[in-house]
Amino acid sequence: MSTSTQQLPMLAGIKVLDFTQYLAGPTATRLMAELGAEIIKVEQAKSGDPSRSLPFVKEGRSIYYIQQNRGKKSFCVDFSKPEGIELVRALIPHVNVVIENYGPGVMERRGLDYASLQQLNPGLVMCSVSAFGRKSPLSHLTGYDYIAQAFSGVMHMTGDADGPPRFVGVAIADGIAGVNAFAALG
């Protein structure tokens, strides 16, 4: 007679504070949620993650947002108020991972950069997803999937050989960035 033991999901017990929006960051945290991590998504008050309004909307909810953020808890914080920042900082000692994909300098201006957060939780792991890295000649720029497609030359290879560059049609760079962020955290 065999006995079966039920295994916990791979990331059970891991708590993640998620400051991501759109695709690259939410892909990483969605994968973590699918493997059992507790994801607490921090959205900017008052409208939340901008992807909440992306088409296609069903019953007032963006299908895109639902797909990228399934399995996550979320709350909105007014980052312009000191109480909002203090609320977030109070969570830091209780999480294992912080992930963000805001534009350059956003986390630093709020006092939520790695150096500041590590003082509250020395064992904290932080992942910053960005188009051009945090220390490069272009690190001051915000980037999106189409920019990555153009910079990489992928757009040049898409479409008619004698025509202009074309978008791939799916957010290939953001998807790959999200999977790589997930792998780096795993």
C-alpha atoms as a PDB file:
ATOM      1  CA  MET A   1       0.000   0.000   0.000  1.00  0.00           C
ATOM      2  CA  SER A   2       1.477   3.351  -0.976  1.00  0.00           C
ATOM      3  CA  THR A   3       1.028   6.545   0.904  1.00  0.00           C
ATOM      4  CA  SER A   4       0.954   9.850  -0.865  1.00  0.00           C
ATOM      5  CA  THR A   5       2.228  13.029   0.625  1.00  0.00           C
ATOM      6  CA  GLN A   6       0.938  16.318  -0.559  1.00  0.00           C
ATOM      7  CA  GLN A   7       3.728  18.728  -1.377  1.00  0.00           C
ATOM      8  CA  LEU A   8       3.412  22.438  -0.771  1.00  0.00           C
ATOM      9  CA  PRO A   9       3.883  24.735  -3.758  1.00  0.00           C
ATOM     10  CA  MET A  10       7.520  25.585  -4.406  1.00  0.00           C
ATOM     11  CA  LEU A  11       7.289  29.187  -3.144  1.00  0.00           C
ATOM     12  CA  ALA A  12       4.871  28.626  -0.249  1.00  0.00           C
ATOM     13  CA  GLY A  13       5.807  30.877   2.669  1.00  0.00           C
ATOM     14  CA  ILE A  14       7.476  33.532   0.483  1.00  0.00           C
ATOM     15  CA  LYS A  15       5.923  37.003   0.753  1.00  0.00           C
ATOM     16  CA  VAL A  16       6.427  39.506  -2.056  1.00  0.00           C
ATOM     17  CA  LEU A  17       5.667  43.225  -2.077  1.00  0.00           C
ATOM     18  CA  ASP A  18       4.880  43.980  -5.716  1.00  0.00           C
ATOM     19  CA  PHE A  19       5.346  47.522  -7.092  1.00  0.00           C
ATOM     20  CA  THR A  20       4.821  46.546 -10.713  1.00  0.00           C
ATOM     21  CA  GLN A  21       2.508  47.563 -13.503  1.00  0.00           C
ATOM     22  CA  TYR A  22       1.674  46.688 -17.101  1.00  0.00           C
ATOM     23  CA  LEU A  23       3.530  43.538 -18.196  1.00  0.00           C
ATOM     24  CA  ALA A  24       7.178  42.793 -17.370  1.00  0.00           C
ATOM     25  CA  GLY A  25       6.935  43.080 -13.576  1.00  0.00           C
ATOM     26  CA  PRO A  26       3.444  41.610 -13.250  1.00  0.00           C
ATOM     27  CA  THR A  27       4.582  38.600 -15.304  1.00  0.00           C
ATOM     28  CA  ALA A  28       7.332  37.861 -12.766  1.00  0.00           C
ATOM     29  CA  THR A  29       4.991  38.145  -9.781  1.00  0.00           C
ATOM     30  CA  ARG A  30       2.201  36.192 -11.526  1.00  0.00           C
ATOM     31  CA  LEU A  31       4.616  33.307 -12.000  1.00  0.00           C
ATOM     32  CA  MET A  32       5.603  33.550  -8.339  1.00  0.00           C
ATOM     33  CA  ALA A  33       1.928  33.498  -7.309  1.00  0.00           C
ATOM     34  CA  GLU A  34       1.346  30.430  -9.472  1.00  0.00           C
ATOM     35  CA  LEU A  35       4.099  28.677  -7.508  1.00  0.00           C
ATOM     36  CA  GLY A  36       2.567  29.569  -4.155  1.00  0.00           C
ATOM     37  CA  ALA A  37       4.157  32.881  -3.134  1.00  0.00           C
ATOM     38  CA  GLU A  38       1.931  35.421  -1.397  1.00  0.00           C
ATOM     39  CA  ILE A  39       1.936  38.517  -3.597  1.00  0.00           C
ATOM     40  CA  ILE A  40       0.864  41.866  -2.163  1.00  0.00           C
ATOM     41  CA  LYS A  41       0.493  44.291  -5.059  1.00  0.00           C
ATOM     42  CA  VAL A  42       0.907  47.963  -4.146  1.00  0.00           C
ATOM     43  CA  GLU A  43      -0.959  50.225  -6.549  1.00  0.00           C
ATOM     44  CA  GLN A  44      -0.947  54.002  -6.752  1.00  0.00           C
ATOM     45  CA  ALA A  45      -4.087  55.665  -5.481  1.00  0.00           C
ATOM     46  CA  LYS A  46      -6.511  56.624  -6.783  1.00  0.00           C
ATOM     47  CA  SER A  47      -6.888  54.629  -9.951  1.00  0.00           C
ATOM     48  CA  GLY A  48      -4.452  51.776  -9.290  1.00  0.00           C
ATOM     49  CA  ASP A  49      -2.367  49.979 -11.897  1.00  0.00           C
ATOM     50  CA  PRO A  50      -2.843  51.770 -15.253  1.00  0.00           C
ATOM     51  CA  SER A  51      -3.513  48.407 -16.915  1.00  0.00           C
ATOM     52  CA  ARG A  52      -6.850  48.244 -15.073  1.00  0.00           C
ATOM     53  CA  SER A  53      -8.260  50.363 -17.898  1.00  0.00           C
ATOM     54  CA  LEU A  54      -6.744  48.463 -20.822  1.00  0.00           C
ATOM     55  CA  PRO A  55      -9.095  46.744 -23.228  1.00  0.00           C
ATOM     56  CA  PHE A  56     -10.836  44.422 -23.309  1.00  0.00           C
ATOM     57  CA  VAL A  57     -13.090  45.299 -20.420  1.00  0.00           C
ATOM     58  CA  LYS A  58     -15.754  42.940 -19.151  1.00  0.00           C
ATOM     59  CA  GLU A  59     -18.116  44.001 -16.385  1.00  0.00           C
ATOM     60  CA  GLY A  60     -15.949  47.057 -15.720  1.00  0.00           C
ATOM     61  CA  ARG A  61     -12.744  45.008 -15.326  1.00  0.00           C
ATOM     62  CA  SER A  62      -9.802  44.786 -17.704  1.00  0.00           C
ATOM     63  CA  ILE A  63      -9.233  41.232 -18.838  1.00  0.00           C
ATOM     64  CA  TYR A  64      -5.550  42.107 -19.331  1.00  0.00           C
ATOM     65  CA  TYR A  65      -5.262  43.253 -15.703  1.00  0.00           C
ATOM     66  CA  ILE A  66      -7.057  40.169 -14.399  1.00  0.00           C
ATOM     67  CA  GLN A  67      -4.827  37.821 -16.386  1.00  0.00           C
ATOM     68  CA  GLN A  68      -1.565  39.469 -15.268  1.00  0.00           C
ATOM     69  CA  ASN A  69      -2.577  39.866 -11.615  1.00  0.00           C
ATOM     70  CA  ARG A  70      -4.494  36.723 -10.800  1.00  0.00           C
ATOM     71  CA  GLY A  71      -3.650  35.179  -7.454  1.00  0.00           C
ATOM     72  CA  LYS A  72      -2.461  38.465  -5.954  1.00  0.00           C
ATOM     73  CA  LYS A  73      -3.754  40.648  -3.153  1.00  0.00           C
ATOM     74  CA  SER A  74      -3.674  44.378  -3.787  1.00  0.00           C
ATOM     75  CA  PHE A  75      -4.213  47.740  -2.185  1.00  0.00           C
ATOM     76  CA  CYS A  76      -3.846  51.361  -3.271  1.00  0.00           C
ATOM     77  CA  VAL A  77      -1.533  53.819  -1.550  1.00  0.00           C
ATOM     78  CA  ASP A  78      -1.257  57.567  -2.005  1.00  0.00           C
ATOM     79  CA  PHE A  79       2.512  57.914  -2.386  1.00  0.00           C
ATOM     80  CA  SER A  80       2.266  61.707  -2.175  1.00  0.00           C
ATOM     81  CA  LYS A  81       1.336  61.434   1.509  1.00  0.00           C
ATOM     82  CA  PRO A  82       3.840  60.500   4.236  1.00  0.00           C
ATOM     83  CA  GLU A  83       1.269  58.114   5.757  1.00  0.00           C
ATOM     84  CA  GLY A  84       1.194  56.154   2.501  1.00  0.00           C
ATOM     85  CA  ILE A  85       4.966  55.729   2.456  1.00  0.00           C
ATOM     86  CA  GLU A  86       4.990  54.775   6.150  1.00  0.00           C
ATOM     87  CA  LEU A  87       2.307  52.138   5.526  1.00  0.00           C
ATOM     88  CA  VAL A  88       4.496  50.566   2.847  1.00  0.00           C
ATOM     89  CA  ARG A  89       7.622  50.794   4.992  1.00  0.00           C
ATOM     90  CA  ALA A  90       5.767  49.043   7.836  1.00  0.00           C
ATOM     91  CA  LEU A  91       5.280  46.024   5.559  1.00  0.00           C
ATOM     92  CA  ILE A  92       8.964  45.659   4.656  1.00  0.00           C
ATOM     93  CA  PRO A  93      10.040  43.682   7.767  1.00  0.00           C
ATOM     94  CA  HIS A  94       7.300  41.139   6.966  1.00  0.00           C
ATOM     95  CA  VAL A  95       8.218  40.351   3.339  1.00  0.00           C
ATOM     96  CA  ASN A  96      11.021  38.400   1.690  1.00  0.00           C
ATOM     97  CA  VAL A  97      11.050  40.093  -1.705  1.00  0.00           C
ATOM     98  CA  VAL A  98      10.303  43.517  -3.178  1.00  0.00           C
ATOM     99  CA  ILE A  99       9.944  43.843  -6.942  1.00  0.00           C
ATOM    100  CA  GLU A 100       9.378  47.036  -8.898  1.00  0.00           C
ATOM    101  CA  ASN A 101       9.347  48.241 -12.482  1.00  0.00           C
ATOM    102  CA  TYR A 102       8.757  51.964 -12.085  1.00  0.00           C
ATOM    103  CA  GLY A 103      10.679  54.491 -14.130  1.00  0.00           C
ATOM    104  CA  PRO A 104      14.150  55.687 -13.157  1.00  0.00           C
ATOM    105  CA  GLY A 105      14.348  57.361  -9.736  1.00  0.00           C
ATOM    106  CA  VAL A 106      10.737  56.734  -8.671  1.00  0.00           C
ATOM    107  CA  MET A 107      11.549  54.371  -5.806  1.00  0.00           C
ATOM    108  CA  GLU A 108      14.504  56.523  -4.694  1.00  0.00           C
ATOM    109  CA  ARG A 109      12.386  59.701  -4.507  1.00  0.00           C
ATOM    110  CA  ARG A 110       9.950  57.849  -2.240  1.00  0.00           C
ATOM    111  CA  GLY A 111      12.661  56.439   0.012  1.00  0.00           C
ATOM    112  CA  LEU A 112      11.743  52.935  -1.166  1.00  0.00           C
ATOM    113  CA  ASP A 113      15.009  52.064  -2.893  1.00  0.00           C
ATOM    114  CA  TYR A 114      17.004  48.976  -1.927  1.00  0.00           C
ATOM    115  CA  ALA A 115      19.444  50.821   0.362  1.00  0.00           C
ATOM    116  CA  SER A 116      16.550  52.330   2.348  1.00  0.00           C
ATOM    117  CA  LEU A 117      14.494  49.136   2.512  1.00  0.00           C
ATOM    118  CA  GLN A 118      17.441  46.942   3.464  1.00  0.00           C
ATOM    119  CA  GLN A 119      17.785  49.009   6.656  1.00  0.00           C
ATOM    120  CA  LEU A 120      14.286  47.827   7.599  1.00  0.00           C
ATOM    121  CA  ASN A 121      14.887  44.205   6.536  1.00  0.00           C
ATOM    122  CA  PRO A 122      18.534  43.167   6.096  1.00  0.00           C
ATOM    123  CA  GLY A 123      17.549  39.850   4.480  1.00  0.00           C
ATOM    124  CA  LEU A 124      15.354  41.508   1.850  1.00  0.00           C
ATOM    125  CA  VAL A 125      15.819  40.562  -1.804  1.00  0.00           C
ATOM    126  CA  MET A 126      14.884  43.279  -4.299  1.00  0.00           C
ATOM    127  CA  CYS A 127      14.410  43.057  -8.044  1.00  0.00           C
ATOM    128  CA  SER A 128      14.175  46.121 -10.284  1.00  0.00           C
ATOM    129  CA  VAL A 129      12.952  45.495 -13.811  1.00  0.00           C
ATOM    130  CA  SER A 130      13.926  48.214 -16.277  1.00  0.00           C
ATOM    131  CA  ALA A 131      14.502  48.615 -19.978  1.00  0.00           C
ATOM    132  CA  PHE A 132      18.036  49.958 -19.782  1.00  0.00           C
ATOM    133  CA  GLY A 133      19.264  48.809 -16.381  1.00  0.00           C
ATOM    134  CA  ARG A 134      19.921  51.030 -13.385  1.00  0.00           C
ATOM    135  CA  LYS A 135      23.532  51.884 -14.280  1.00  0.00           C
ATOM    136  CA  SER A 136      23.961  52.386 -18.011  1.00  0.00           C
ATOM    137  CA  PRO A 137      24.283  55.385 -20.353  1.00  0.00           C
ATOM    138  CA  LEU A 138      20.520  55.087 -21.044  1.00  0.00           C
ATOM    139  CA  SER A 139      19.405  54.235 -17.489  1.00  0.00           C
ATOM    140  CA  HIS A 140      17.698  57.624 -17.154  1.00  0.00           C
ATOM    141  CA  LEU A 141      15.167  56.628 -19.835  1.00  0.00           C
ATOM    142  CA  THR A 142      11.878  54.825 -19.402  1.00  0.00           C
ATOM    143  CA  GLY A 143      11.393  51.950 -21.793  1.00  0.00           C
ATOM    144  CA  TYR A 144       8.602  49.823 -23.140  1.00  0.00           C
ATOM    145  CA  ASP A 145       8.408  46.659 -25.194  1.00  0.00           C
ATOM    146  CA  TYR A 146       8.297  48.425 -28.567  1.00  0.00           C
ATOM    147  CA  ILE A 147      11.441  50.384 -27.678  1.00  0.00           C
ATOM    148  CA  ALA A 148      13.217  47.121 -26.817  1.00  0.00           C
ATOM    149  CA  GLN A 149      12.026  45.617 -30.114  1.00  0.00           C
ATOM    150  CA  ALA A 150      13.477  48.599 -31.992  1.00  0.00           C
ATOM    151  CA  PHE A 151      16.788  48.673 -30.100  1.00  0.00           C
ATOM    152  CA  SER A 152      17.299  44.922 -30.501  1.00  0.00           C
ATOM    153  CA  GLY A 153      16.669  44.916 -34.246  1.00  0.00           C
ATOM    154  CA  VAL A 154      13.697  42.569 -33.991  1.00  0.00           C
ATOM    155  CA  MET A 155      11.434  45.134 -35.704  1.00  0.00           C
ATOM    156  CA  HIS A 156      13.828  45.242 -38.658  1.00  0.00           C
ATOM    157  CA  MET A 157      13.350  41.496 -39.178  1.00  0.00           C
ATOM    158  CA  THR A 158       9.531  41.646 -39.027  1.00  0.00           C
ATOM    159  CA  GLY A 159       7.294  42.478 -41.980  1.00  0.00           C
ATOM    160  CA  ASP A 160       8.145  42.845 -45.653  1.00  0.00           C
ATOM    161  CA  ALA A 161      11.861  42.655 -46.515  1.00  0.00           C
ATOM    162  CA  ASP A 162      11.692  45.956 -48.416  1.00  0.00           C
ATOM    163  CA  GLY A 163       9.225  47.621 -46.040  1.00  0.00           C
ATOM    164  CA  PRO A 164       9.592  49.639 -42.847  1.00  0.00           C
ATOM    165  CA  PRO A 165      10.291  48.005 -39.465  1.00  0.00           C
ATOM    166  CA  ARG A 166       7.198  46.431 -37.845  1.00  0.00           C
ATOM    167  CA  PHE A 167       6.216  45.554 -34.309  1.00  0.00           C
ATOM    168  CA  VAL A 168       6.267  41.842 -33.575  1.00  0.00           C
ATOM    169  CA  GLY A 169       2.623  42.030 -32.517  1.00  0.00           C
ATOM    170  CA  VAL A 170       3.057  40.703 -28.995  1.00  0.00           C
ATOM    171  CA  ALA A 171       5.007  42.143 -26.101  1.00  0.00           C
ATOM    172  CA  ILE A 172       7.893  39.724 -26.550  1.00  0.00           C
ATOM    173  CA  ALA A 173      10.534  41.827 -24.735  1.00  0.00           C
ATOM    174  CA  ASP A 174       8.320  42.522 -21.708  1.00  0.00           C
ATOM    175  CA  GLY A 175       7.330  38.873 -21.476  1.00  0.00           C
ATOM    176  CA  ILE A 176      10.948  37.734 -21.633  1.00  0.00           C
ATOM    177  CA  ALA A 177      11.970  40.385 -19.093  1.00  0.00           C
ATOM    178  CA  GLY A 178       9.272  39.148 -16.701  1.00  0.00           C
ATOM    179  CA  VAL A 179      10.323  35.531 -17.048  1.00  0.00           C
ATOM    180  CA  ASN A 180      13.978  36.467 -16.516  1.00  0.00           C
ATOM    181  CA  ALA A 181      13.096  38.535 -13.421  1.00  0.00           C
ATOM    182  CA  PHE A 182      11.187  35.527 -12.079  1.00  0.00           C
ATOM    183  CA  ALA A 183      14.143  33.231 -12.796  1.00  0.00           C
ATOM    184  CA  ALA A 184      16.574  35.652 -11.124  1.00  0.00           C
ATOM    185  CA  LEU A 185      14.431  35.678  -7.984  1.00  0.00           C
ATOM    186  CA  GLY A 186      13.984  31.904  -7.988  1.00  0.00           C
END
